[in-house]
Amino acid sequence: MAVPRAPRTAIIDIGSNSVRLVVYQGPARLPAILFNEKVMAGLGRGLAATGAIDPTALTKARVALARFASLAHEMGVTALRTVATAAVRDAANGQELIDCAESLGLEVEILSGEQEATAAGEGVLSAIPDADGIVGDLGGGSLELVRVRDGGVEERVSFPLGVLRIPALREKGSKSFERHIGRLIEEAGWEGRGRGLPFYLVGGSWRALARLDMTLSGYPLPIIHQYELTPVDILRLSRTIPHLSKQRLREVKGLSSSRAATLGDATALLGVLLRHLGSSTTVVSAYGLREGLLYGGLDAKTRALDPLIVAAREEGRLLGRFPEHGDLLESWIAPLFAGESVADARLRHAACLLADVGWHANPEFRAERGVEIALHGNWVGIDAEGRAMLAQALHTSLGGGLDIPAPLAELASPAQLKLATNWGLSIRLGQRLSGGLAGPLERTGVTLDGTTLGLEMNDADRGFYGEAVERRHSALASALGRVPQRLIRT
C-alpha cells in the first residue's frame, strides 16, 4: 500500500528584484523547503526613473511564472499562493504581469507596504521567536521596518528605498543621501526607535553582506541565520567593499554576481539606518516574507510551538530508528541536569531528539555525521553557540568520546562544551541500557547526589545491566565527578 504523501504548499513571490518559487513540505510550524528557485528578473530596475517595468524584465518574469506554474502543478502542490510586492504595485504596467499570471491559472495578491512589513516581521518571529527589536526587510523596490516584541508585530512602515532605487539616490552624494534617509525616518516617527535594540536583517542583499563578512573574517560556521554584524563591522565593510576585486567577490561562496553588485548600496543604506534608529547591532534572519505568510496563517497553538524542537523531532522521526525515543530520553536524563537554564534544557531536548540520526552511517563516521547535522542542519531558533553545544552532545553520544571536534571550541565556551559532553554521555547510557526501546526507559531512572550516580531499576530488569551498560554508567559517573551505583528496587 502506498504511504500517503504529506501535503505540499508553495509560494510564488513576484518581487522587485527576483521572481521565486518555494515549495514546502513537512510540519506546519516549520515545513522543510522541498524546492527553491529564483529568477533575477529585476522588475524594479529603472522603475523610479520611468514609472514602468522594463520590457526585458517583463519577459523574464513571464517565462519564470510559466515555469513555476508548471512545476507547482507537476509537484502536486495542494496550496499555491502567488504574491507581488513593490514593483508590480507601483509600476504603470504592472497589470500586464498580473494578466500573464492569471492566464497561467495563478491568482495574484498584490501586497500593500503594510502587508509586506507584517509578513517580514512574522517571518523573523517564526525563526527567532524571542526577537525583540526592529526588522528591516530590504527588497528591490522598498524597505519595510517593523517593530517586533513579545512574539508579535507592532508598528510598521514602508519606504521607497529598495536596493534598485538606492544608486540614483547615492549619485547626489553621501551627505544628500543621509539627509534624504534621515528625513524619511524622522517624518515617519522612527528616529531613535531602535535605540539599544537589535536590527534584524531580511532580504537577499543584506544576507549577501553577511556572506561577505563571514568570508573576510574567516568565520568557521557557514550559516547565515542569526549571524551578527555590529555597527563597527558595517563601517569596516563600507570602507572595504569599494576596494574588492571582482575575483575576490567571486571567491565568496553563495554570492551571486547580481547580489555582489548591490553590496555597496545595501551597506550604505544600513549604516545610515543604524545611525538614525539607534540600533545596537544587527542579526541576520534567513526567514522573511514568504515564511511570514505561512506563519501568519497558523492557529495560535501551532504558532506557539518551538521551531527547533519541532524540526529536531521531525528529523529524528525521518532518520532515527525509534521515533518516540528522543522525548523519552529527554525525560530519562533530565534529573541529572535539574539546575540548568531553560535555554540549556531546550538544547538538551533537541540533542535527545537527534540522538539516533547517525545510526545508518558507517560506524567509523557516526560521530562525524552527528556533528555535521548539528552544525549545518536547517535549524532556526538557535545561534552558533547552541549549534556547537548540540554538535558536541551528538559527537559524544554517537561514540566520538570526550574530545572536542573543530570548530566547536571557536563557537562555544569550554563550560558549555563540557555540559554538552555530559548530555552526550547521558544519552549514550540511556540508549545502550534500553536498546532503543521504550519499556526499559520507562521502568528505570537515574539519580544524582553528592557522591553517587545511581541507576535505578526493578529486580526483574537486572538483566539489562550488562557489561556495555556498566561501562557507560562508569564513564558518565566519572564525567560528573560521582561514583556509579546500581540501585535495585524490590
Protein backbone atom coordinates (compact mmCIF):
# COMPACT_ATOMS: atom_id res chain seq x y z
CA MET A 1 0.00 0.00 0.00
CA ALA A 2 1.34 3.46 -0.93
CA VAL A 3 2.17 5.72 2.02
CA PRO A 4 0.13 8.97 1.89
CA ARG A 5 2.31 11.91 0.96
CA ALA A 6 2.42 14.92 3.25
CA PRO A 7 0.69 17.99 1.75
CA ARG A 8 2.82 20.37 -0.25
CA THR A 9 2.35 24.12 -0.12
CA ALA A 10 4.08 26.71 -2.28
CA ILE A 11 4.57 30.43 -2.68
CA ILE A 12 5.41 32.30 -5.87
CA ASP A 13 6.91 35.62 -4.82
CA ILE A 14 7.00 38.29 -7.54
CA GLY A 15 9.49 40.70 -6.02
CA SER A 16 11.12 43.84 -7.32
CA ASN A 17 14.46 42.10 -7.78
CA SER A 18 13.59 38.44 -8.23
CA VAL A 19 10.71 36.09 -9.00
CA ARG A 20 10.88 32.97 -6.87
CA LEU A 21 9.07 29.66 -6.32
CA VAL A 22 9.43 27.91 -2.96
CA VAL A 23 7.72 24.57 -2.29
CA TYR A 24 7.32 23.41 1.31
CA GLN A 25 6.51 20.05 2.88
CA GLY A 26 6.51 18.92 6.49
CA PRO A 27 5.26 20.11 9.88
CA ALA A 28 3.07 23.21 9.62
CA ARG A 29 5.12 25.08 12.25
CA LEU A 30 8.35 24.71 10.30
CA PRO A 31 7.93 22.93 6.95
CA ALA A 32 11.09 21.95 5.10
CA ILE A 33 11.90 23.55 1.77
CA LEU A 34 11.38 20.91 -0.89
CA PHE A 35 12.25 23.15 -3.85
CA ASN A 36 13.56 26.70 -4.24
CA GLU A 37 14.28 28.52 -7.49
CA LYS A 38 14.59 32.18 -8.37
CA VAL A 39 14.97 34.28 -11.50
CA MET A 40 16.64 37.68 -11.13
CA ALA A 41 14.14 39.50 -13.33
CA GLY A 42 14.90 42.98 -11.97
CA LEU A 43 11.33 44.26 -12.26
CA GLY A 44 12.14 47.29 -10.14
CA ARG A 45 15.25 48.35 -12.07
CA GLY A 46 14.64 51.73 -13.66
CA LEU A 47 11.17 51.97 -12.13
CA ALA A 48 11.95 55.18 -10.25
CA ALA A 49 13.06 56.88 -13.49
CA THR A 50 10.38 55.62 -15.90
CA GLY A 51 7.47 54.57 -13.68
CA ALA A 52 7.23 51.29 -15.59
CA ILE A 53 8.74 47.81 -15.64
CA ASP A 54 11.34 47.38 -18.36
CA PRO A 55 10.13 45.15 -21.27
CA THR A 56 13.12 42.82 -20.87
CA ALA A 57 12.34 42.35 -17.19
CA LEU A 58 8.69 41.67 -18.03
CA THR A 59 9.72 38.96 -20.47
CA LYS A 60 12.00 37.30 -17.89
CA ALA A 61 9.19 37.37 -15.33
CA ARG A 62 6.65 35.89 -17.75
CA VAL A 63 8.96 32.98 -18.57
CA ALA A 64 9.63 32.42 -14.86
CA LEU A 65 5.92 32.42 -14.00
CA ALA A 66 5.15 29.90 -16.75
CA ARG A 67 7.86 27.57 -15.48
CA PHE A 68 6.86 27.95 -11.84
CA ALA A 69 3.16 27.33 -12.56
CA SER A 70 4.11 24.15 -14.44
CA LEU A 71 6.43 22.94 -11.68
CA ALA A 72 3.87 23.56 -8.95
CA HIS A 73 1.28 21.55 -10.88
CA GLU A 74 3.70 18.70 -11.59
CA MET A 75 4.81 18.56 -7.94
CA GLY A 76 1.24 18.13 -6.75
CA VAL A 77 1.17 21.33 -4.73
CA THR A 78 -2.07 21.42 -2.76
CA ALA A 79 -2.00 25.11 -1.79
CA LEU A 80 -0.31 27.69 -4.01
CA ARG A 81 -0.15 31.37 -3.11
CA THR A 82 1.15 33.98 -5.55
CA VAL A 83 2.09 37.40 -4.19
CA ALA A 84 3.51 40.55 -5.75
CA THR A 85 5.25 43.40 -3.98
CA ALA A 86 6.53 46.92 -4.64
CA ALA A 87 7.47 46.78 -8.35
CA VAL A 88 4.15 45.39 -9.54
CA ARG A 89 2.30 47.56 -7.04
CA ASP A 90 3.94 50.78 -8.22
CA ALA A 91 4.52 50.23 -11.95
CA ALA A 92 2.21 51.73 -14.54
CA ASN A 93 2.37 48.46 -16.50
CA GLY A 94 2.21 46.12 -13.52
CA GLN A 95 -1.18 44.88 -14.68
CA GLU A 96 0.46 43.25 -17.70
CA LEU A 97 2.29 40.85 -15.43
CA ILE A 98 -0.83 40.18 -13.38
CA ASP A 99 -2.74 39.37 -16.57
CA CYS A 100 0.04 36.98 -17.61
CA ALA A 101 -0.07 35.23 -14.24
CA GLU A 102 -3.84 34.88 -14.34
CA SER A 103 -3.64 33.35 -17.83
CA LEU A 104 -1.47 30.65 -16.25
CA GLY A 105 -4.10 29.97 -13.59
CA LEU A 106 -2.32 31.96 -10.88
CA GLU A 107 -4.32 34.28 -8.65
CA VAL A 108 -2.05 37.19 -7.71
CA GLU A 109 -2.29 39.05 -4.40
CA ILE A 110 -0.73 42.49 -4.56
CA LEU A 111 0.61 43.09 -1.08
CA SER A 112 0.50 46.60 0.34
CA GLY A 113 3.58 48.02 2.03
CA GLU A 114 1.97 47.32 5.39
CA GLN A 115 1.21 43.73 4.44
CA GLU A 116 4.81 43.27 3.28
CA ALA A 117 6.04 44.64 6.58
CA THR A 118 3.76 42.39 8.62
CA ALA A 119 4.86 39.31 6.69
CA ALA A 120 8.53 40.20 7.11
CA GLY A 121 8.07 40.68 10.86
CA GLU A 122 6.20 37.41 11.24
CA GLY A 123 8.86 35.64 9.17
CA VAL A 124 11.52 36.72 11.65
CA LEU A 125 9.33 35.71 14.60
CA SER A 126 8.74 32.29 13.05
CA ALA A 127 12.50 31.64 13.16
CA ILE A 128 13.58 33.78 16.15
CA PRO A 129 10.56 33.57 18.49
CA ASP A 130 12.09 35.80 21.15
CA ALA A 131 13.06 38.55 18.69
CA ASP A 132 12.79 41.99 20.30
CA GLY A 133 13.81 44.86 18.06
CA ILE A 134 13.26 46.24 14.58
CA VAL A 135 13.02 44.12 11.45
CA GLY A 136 14.34 45.70 8.26
CA ASP A 137 13.26 43.96 5.05
CA LEU A 138 15.24 45.31 2.09
CA GLY A 139 13.76 44.34 -1.24
CA GLY A 140 14.39 45.60 -4.72
CA GLY A 141 11.72 48.28 -4.62
CA SER A 142 11.04 49.03 -0.97
CA LEU A 143 12.27 48.88 2.61
CA GLU A 144 9.93 47.80 5.38
CA LEU A 145 10.60 48.50 9.06
CA VAL A 146 8.71 46.52 11.68
CA ARG A 147 8.78 46.60 15.48
CA VAL A 148 8.60 43.06 16.85
CA ARG A 149 8.23 42.24 20.54
CA ASP A 150 6.70 39.55 22.76
CA GLY A 151 6.05 37.27 19.79
CA GLY A 152 4.01 39.85 17.88
CA VAL A 153 4.23 42.52 15.20
CA GLU A 154 3.61 46.11 16.30
CA GLU A 155 4.28 49.33 14.35
CA ARG A 156 5.10 49.01 10.64
CA VAL A 157 6.20 51.38 7.91
CA SER A 158 7.25 51.06 4.26
CA PHE A 159 9.67 53.32 2.38
CA PRO A 160 10.52 53.54 -1.36
CA LEU A 161 14.12 52.59 -0.58
CA GLY A 162 14.60 49.27 -2.36
CA VAL A 163 18.13 48.33 -3.34
CA LEU A 164 17.36 49.06 -7.00
CA ARG A 165 16.40 52.64 -6.10
CA ILE A 166 19.45 53.42 -3.97
CA PRO A 167 22.01 54.08 -6.77
CA ALA A 168 20.05 57.10 -8.04
CA LEU A 169 19.84 58.50 -4.50
CA ARG A 170 23.55 57.99 -3.86
CA GLU A 171 24.55 59.77 -7.06
CA LYS A 172 23.77 63.07 -5.33
CA GLY A 173 26.49 62.46 -2.74
CA SER A 174 26.75 60.80 0.65
CA LYS A 175 25.57 63.84 2.63
CA SER A 176 22.50 64.30 0.44
CA PHE A 177 21.80 60.54 0.70
CA GLU A 178 21.97 60.59 4.50
CA ARG A 179 19.77 63.68 4.74
CA HIS A 180 17.17 62.05 2.50
CA ILE A 181 17.07 58.82 4.53
CA GLY A 182 17.09 60.75 7.80
CA ARG A 183 14.19 62.92 6.69
CA LEU A 184 12.11 59.86 5.75
CA ILE A 185 12.85 58.20 9.09
CA GLU A 186 12.06 61.35 11.08
CA GLU A 187 8.85 62.15 9.21
CA ALA A 188 7.62 58.60 9.81
CA GLY A 189 8.30 58.94 13.54
CA TRP A 190 11.02 56.27 13.65
CA GLU A 191 14.01 58.40 14.68
CA GLY A 192 15.72 56.65 17.62
CA ARG A 193 13.06 53.92 17.77
CA GLY A 194 15.65 51.14 17.80
CA ARG A 195 17.88 52.56 20.50
CA GLY A 196 19.68 49.73 22.25
CA LEU A 197 17.75 47.09 20.28
CA PRO A 198 18.94 44.69 17.58
CA PHE A 199 18.10 45.33 13.94
CA TYR A 200 17.04 42.10 12.17
CA LEU A 201 18.22 41.92 8.57
CA VAL A 202 15.86 40.42 5.98
CA GLY A 203 16.47 40.35 2.23
CA GLY A 204 18.98 38.93 -0.23
CA SER A 205 21.24 41.98 -0.39
CA TRP A 206 21.77 42.09 3.36
CA ARG A 207 22.28 38.32 3.51
CA ALA A 208 24.92 38.77 0.79
CA LEU A 209 26.62 41.34 3.00
CA ALA A 210 26.74 38.80 5.82
CA ARG A 211 28.21 36.17 3.49
CA LEU A 212 30.94 38.59 2.53
CA ASP A 213 31.79 39.37 6.14
CA MET A 214 31.87 35.68 7.04
CA THR A 215 34.42 35.10 4.29
CA LEU A 216 36.57 38.12 5.09
CA SER A 217 36.63 37.34 8.82
CA GLY A 218 37.22 33.59 8.41
CA TYR A 219 34.08 32.73 10.36
CA PRO A 220 34.10 28.94 10.92
CA LEU A 221 30.37 28.25 10.53
CA PRO A 222 28.82 28.82 7.07
CA ILE A 223 25.34 29.53 8.43
CA ILE A 224 23.74 32.90 7.69
CA HIS A 225 20.80 32.67 10.09
CA GLN A 226 21.40 34.64 13.31
CA TYR A 227 24.84 35.81 12.17
CA GLU A 228 25.62 39.11 13.89
CA LEU A 229 27.12 42.26 12.39
CA THR A 230 27.92 45.16 14.69
CA PRO A 231 27.88 48.82 13.59
CA VAL A 232 31.69 48.69 13.66
CA ASP A 233 31.62 45.68 11.29
CA ILE A 234 29.31 47.53 8.92
CA LEU A 235 31.52 50.63 8.91
CA ARG A 236 34.53 48.43 8.13
CA LEU A 237 32.65 46.74 5.29
CA SER A 238 31.57 50.07 3.82
CA ARG A 239 35.25 51.01 3.56
CA THR A 240 36.37 47.61 2.28
CA ILE A 241 33.78 46.85 -0.41
CA PRO A 242 34.87 49.57 -2.91
CA HIS A 243 38.37 48.05 -2.96
CA LEU A 244 37.37 44.41 -3.52
CA SER A 245 38.12 43.00 -6.95
CA LYS A 246 35.61 41.01 -8.94
CA GLN A 247 37.84 37.97 -8.46
CA ARG A 248 37.75 38.38 -4.66
CA LEU A 249 33.96 38.67 -4.73
CA ARG A 250 33.69 35.55 -6.88
CA GLU A 251 35.51 33.65 -4.14
CA VAL A 252 32.69 34.35 -1.68
CA LYS A 253 30.65 31.16 -1.54
CA GLY A 254 26.97 31.66 -2.35
CA LEU A 255 27.40 35.26 -3.51
CA SER A 256 25.86 35.77 -6.94
CA SER A 257 27.09 38.47 -9.28
CA SER A 258 23.73 40.22 -9.10
CA ARG A 259 23.91 40.40 -5.30
CA ALA A 260 27.57 41.43 -5.37
CA ALA A 261 26.58 44.46 -7.42
CA THR A 262 24.25 45.67 -4.65
CA LEU A 263 26.68 45.29 -1.73
CA GLY A 264 27.85 48.89 -1.64
CA ASP A 265 24.34 50.31 -1.80
CA ALA A 266 22.95 47.87 0.79
CA THR A 267 25.82 48.69 3.17
CA ALA A 268 25.42 52.45 2.72
CA LEU A 269 21.71 52.26 3.49
CA LEU A 270 22.28 50.02 6.52
CA GLY A 271 24.86 52.35 8.01
CA VAL A 272 22.54 55.35 7.76
CA LEU A 273 19.58 53.41 9.18
CA LEU A 274 21.52 52.26 12.22
CA ARG A 275 22.62 55.79 13.00
CA HIS A 276 19.07 57.14 12.83
CA LEU A 277 17.34 54.22 14.52
CA GLY A 278 20.00 53.86 17.20
CA SER A 279 20.13 50.06 16.93
CA SER A 280 22.88 48.35 18.92
CA THR A 281 23.70 45.53 16.49
CA THR A 282 22.27 43.59 13.57
CA VAL A 283 21.14 39.95 13.37
CA VAL A 284 20.59 38.21 10.05
CA SER A 285 17.36 36.28 9.52
CA ALA A 286 17.18 33.65 6.81
CA TYR A 287 13.40 33.83 7.14
CA GLY A 288 11.33 36.69 5.80
CA LEU A 289 8.22 37.49 3.81
CA ARG A 290 7.44 34.03 2.42
CA GLU A 291 7.87 32.26 5.74
CA GLY A 292 5.89 35.05 7.39
CA LEU A 293 2.98 34.40 5.05
CA LEU A 294 2.98 30.75 6.12
CA TYR A 295 3.39 31.57 9.80
CA GLY A 296 0.62 34.18 9.69
CA GLY A 297 -1.84 31.54 8.54
CA LEU A 298 -1.27 29.25 11.53
CA ASP A 299 -3.51 28.98 14.56
CA ALA A 300 -2.21 30.34 17.87
CA LYS A 301 -1.41 26.89 19.29
CA THR A 302 0.73 25.91 16.31
CA ARG A 303 2.49 29.29 16.24
CA ALA A 304 3.48 28.82 19.88
CA LEU A 305 5.40 25.59 19.17
CA ASP A 306 9.18 25.79 19.50
CA PRO A 307 10.58 25.66 15.93
CA LEU A 308 13.84 24.00 16.98
CA ILE A 309 12.07 21.20 18.83
CA VAL A 310 9.56 20.71 16.02
CA ALA A 311 12.34 20.43 13.42
CA ALA A 312 14.54 18.18 15.56
CA ARG A 313 11.62 15.87 16.30
CA GLU A 314 10.82 15.62 12.57
CA GLU A 315 14.47 14.96 11.68
CA GLY A 316 14.65 12.28 14.36
CA ARG A 317 11.49 10.71 13.00
CA LEU A 318 12.89 10.61 9.47
CA LEU A 319 16.46 9.47 10.27
CA GLY A 320 16.18 7.58 13.55
CA ARG A 321 15.12 4.02 14.32
CA PHE A 322 12.72 4.71 17.18
CA PRO A 323 10.52 7.80 16.60
CA GLU A 324 9.38 8.19 20.22
CA HIS A 325 12.79 7.56 21.72
CA GLY A 326 14.05 11.17 21.78
CA ASP A 327 11.35 12.51 24.06
CA LEU A 328 11.72 9.51 26.38
CA LEU A 329 15.48 10.03 26.55
CA GLU A 330 14.99 13.69 27.44
CA SER A 331 12.73 12.78 30.35
CA TRP A 332 15.07 9.98 31.46
CA ILE A 333 18.25 12.08 31.69
CA ALA A 334 16.56 15.28 32.94
CA PRO A 335 17.13 14.51 36.68
CA LEU A 336 20.88 14.76 36.10
CA PHE A 337 20.59 18.38 34.92
CA ALA A 338 17.98 19.80 37.26
CA GLY A 339 19.82 23.08 37.82
CA GLU A 340 20.46 24.06 34.21
CA SER A 341 18.87 27.05 32.48
CA VAL A 342 15.74 26.89 30.36
CA ALA A 343 17.85 27.64 27.28
CA ASP A 344 20.22 24.76 28.03
CA ALA A 345 17.35 22.37 28.78
CA ARG A 346 15.89 23.21 25.37
CA LEU A 347 19.17 22.38 23.62
CA ARG A 348 19.43 19.15 25.60
CA HIS A 349 15.94 18.20 24.44
CA ALA A 350 16.93 18.84 20.82
CA ALA A 351 20.04 16.69 21.28
CA CYS A 352 17.91 13.81 22.58
CA LEU A 353 15.55 14.10 19.61
CA LEU A 354 18.53 13.92 17.23
CA ALA A 355 20.46 11.27 19.16
CA ASP A 356 19.77 8.48 16.68
CA VAL A 357 20.37 10.36 13.42
CA GLY A 358 23.76 8.74 12.80
CA TRP A 359 22.81 5.09 13.17
CA HIS A 360 22.71 4.32 9.43
CA ALA A 361 26.14 5.87 8.76
CA ASN A 362 29.34 3.83 8.71
CA PRO A 363 30.20 3.20 12.40
CA GLU A 364 33.52 4.99 11.92
CA PHE A 365 31.71 8.17 10.90
CA ARG A 366 28.63 8.25 13.11
CA ALA A 367 30.04 10.90 15.43
CA GLU A 368 31.13 12.98 12.43
CA ARG A 369 27.64 12.65 10.99
CA GLY A 370 26.13 13.94 14.22
CA VAL A 371 28.39 16.99 14.21
CA GLU A 372 27.55 17.74 10.59
CA ILE A 373 23.79 17.56 11.21
CA ALA A 374 24.00 19.80 14.27
CA LEU A 375 26.25 22.43 12.72
CA HIS A 376 24.83 22.55 9.22
CA GLY A 377 21.23 21.45 9.62
CA ASN A 378 18.50 23.86 8.57
CA TRP A 379 17.66 24.76 12.18
CA VAL A 380 16.16 28.01 13.40
CA GLY A 381 15.70 29.37 16.90
CA ILE A 382 19.33 28.51 17.63
CA ASP A 383 22.54 30.54 17.46
CA ALA A 384 26.13 29.48 16.78
CA GLU A 385 26.80 28.65 20.45
CA GLY A 386 23.71 26.46 20.51
CA ARG A 387 24.73 24.65 17.34
CA ALA A 388 28.15 23.96 18.83
CA MET A 389 26.65 22.54 22.04
CA LEU A 390 24.24 20.40 20.02
CA ALA A 391 27.13 19.15 17.89
CA GLN A 392 29.23 18.26 20.94
CA ALA A 393 26.37 16.32 22.52
CA LEU A 394 25.78 14.32 19.33
CA HIS A 395 29.50 13.77 18.79
CA THR A 396 29.83 12.23 22.24
CA SER A 397 26.57 10.28 22.17
CA LEU A 398 27.47 8.73 18.81
CA GLY A 399 30.81 7.42 20.05
CA GLY A 400 33.14 10.37 19.48
CA GLY A 401 34.36 10.36 23.08
CA LEU A 402 35.33 13.40 25.12
CA ASP A 403 37.41 15.24 22.54
CA ILE A 404 36.11 18.48 21.00
CA PRO A 405 35.98 18.41 17.21
CA ALA A 406 36.76 21.53 15.19
CA PRO A 407 35.40 24.19 15.03
CA LEU A 408 33.30 23.85 18.20
CA ALA A 409 35.88 25.46 20.50
CA GLU A 410 35.67 28.62 18.35
CA LEU A 411 31.91 28.85 18.78
CA ALA A 412 31.19 27.94 22.40
CA SER A 413 32.94 28.19 25.77
CA PRO A 414 34.72 25.27 27.50
CA ALA A 415 31.98 25.21 30.15
CA GLN A 416 29.25 24.98 27.53
CA LEU A 417 31.01 22.18 25.67
CA LYS A 418 31.64 20.30 28.93
CA LEU A 419 27.91 20.45 29.72
CA ALA A 420 27.09 19.23 26.22
CA THR A 421 29.58 16.38 26.58
CA ASN A 422 27.75 15.28 29.73
CA TRP A 423 24.47 15.37 27.81
CA GLY A 424 26.07 13.09 25.21
CA LEU A 425 27.35 10.62 27.81
CA SER A 426 23.91 10.53 29.46
CA ILE A 427 22.19 9.91 26.13
CA ARG A 428 24.71 7.19 25.34
CA LEU A 429 23.95 5.42 28.62
CA GLY A 430 20.20 5.63 28.09
CA GLN A 431 20.42 4.31 24.55
CA ARG A 432 22.64 1.37 25.49
CA LEU A 433 20.54 0.42 28.51
CA SER A 434 17.28 0.48 26.58
CA GLY A 435 18.43 -0.79 23.21
CA GLY A 436 16.26 1.94 21.76
CA LEU A 437 13.10 0.51 23.32
CA ALA A 438 10.58 2.47 25.34
CA GLY A 439 9.96 -0.03 28.14
CA PRO A 440 13.41 -0.05 29.79
CA LEU A 441 13.49 3.76 29.89
CA GLU A 442 10.01 3.91 31.39
CA ARG A 443 10.87 1.37 34.11
CA THR A 444 14.33 2.69 35.06
CA GLY A 445 15.75 6.01 36.17
CA VAL A 446 18.90 7.90 37.07
CA THR A 447 19.59 9.82 40.28
CA LEU A 448 22.33 12.17 41.35
CA ASP A 449 23.50 13.06 44.84
CA GLY A 450 26.67 14.46 46.31
CA THR A 451 28.71 11.30 45.77
CA THR A 452 26.90 8.84 43.51
CA LEU A 453 25.27 8.48 40.11
CA GLY A 454 22.53 5.98 40.71
CA LEU A 455 20.88 3.79 38.10
CA GLU A 456 17.54 2.58 39.46
CA MET A 457 15.79 -0.48 38.13
CA ASN A 458 13.33 -3.15 39.17
CA ASP A 459 14.64 -6.51 40.25
CA ALA A 460 13.02 -8.05 37.16
CA ASP A 461 15.14 -5.76 34.94
CA ARG A 462 18.54 -6.76 36.35
CA GLY A 463 19.35 -8.45 33.07
CA PHE A 464 19.57 -5.13 31.26
CA TYR A 465 22.66 -4.15 33.25
CA GLY A 466 25.32 -5.84 31.10
CA GLU A 467 28.98 -5.07 30.58
CA ALA A 468 28.39 -2.34 27.97
CA VAL A 469 25.87 -0.60 30.22
CA GLU A 470 28.22 -0.78 33.20
CA ARG A 471 30.99 0.77 31.12
CA ARG A 472 28.82 3.71 30.06
CA HIS A 473 27.45 4.14 33.57
CA SER A 474 31.03 4.45 34.85
CA ALA A 475 32.03 6.89 32.09
CA LEU A 476 29.13 9.22 32.88
CA ALA A 477 29.73 8.99 36.64
CA SER A 478 33.38 9.90 36.15
CA ALA A 479 32.46 12.93 34.00
CA LEU A 480 30.05 14.10 36.69
CA GLY A 481 32.56 13.53 39.49
CA ARG A 482 30.50 10.75 41.07
CA VAL A 483 30.72 7.04 41.82
CA PRO A 484 28.42 4.73 39.78
CA GLN A 485 25.86 2.79 41.81
CA ARG A 486 23.18 0.35 40.71
CA LEU A 487 20.01 0.66 42.78
CA ILE A 488 17.64 -2.32 42.69
CA ARG A 489 14.03 -1.73 43.62
CA THR A 490 12.34 -4.68 45.33
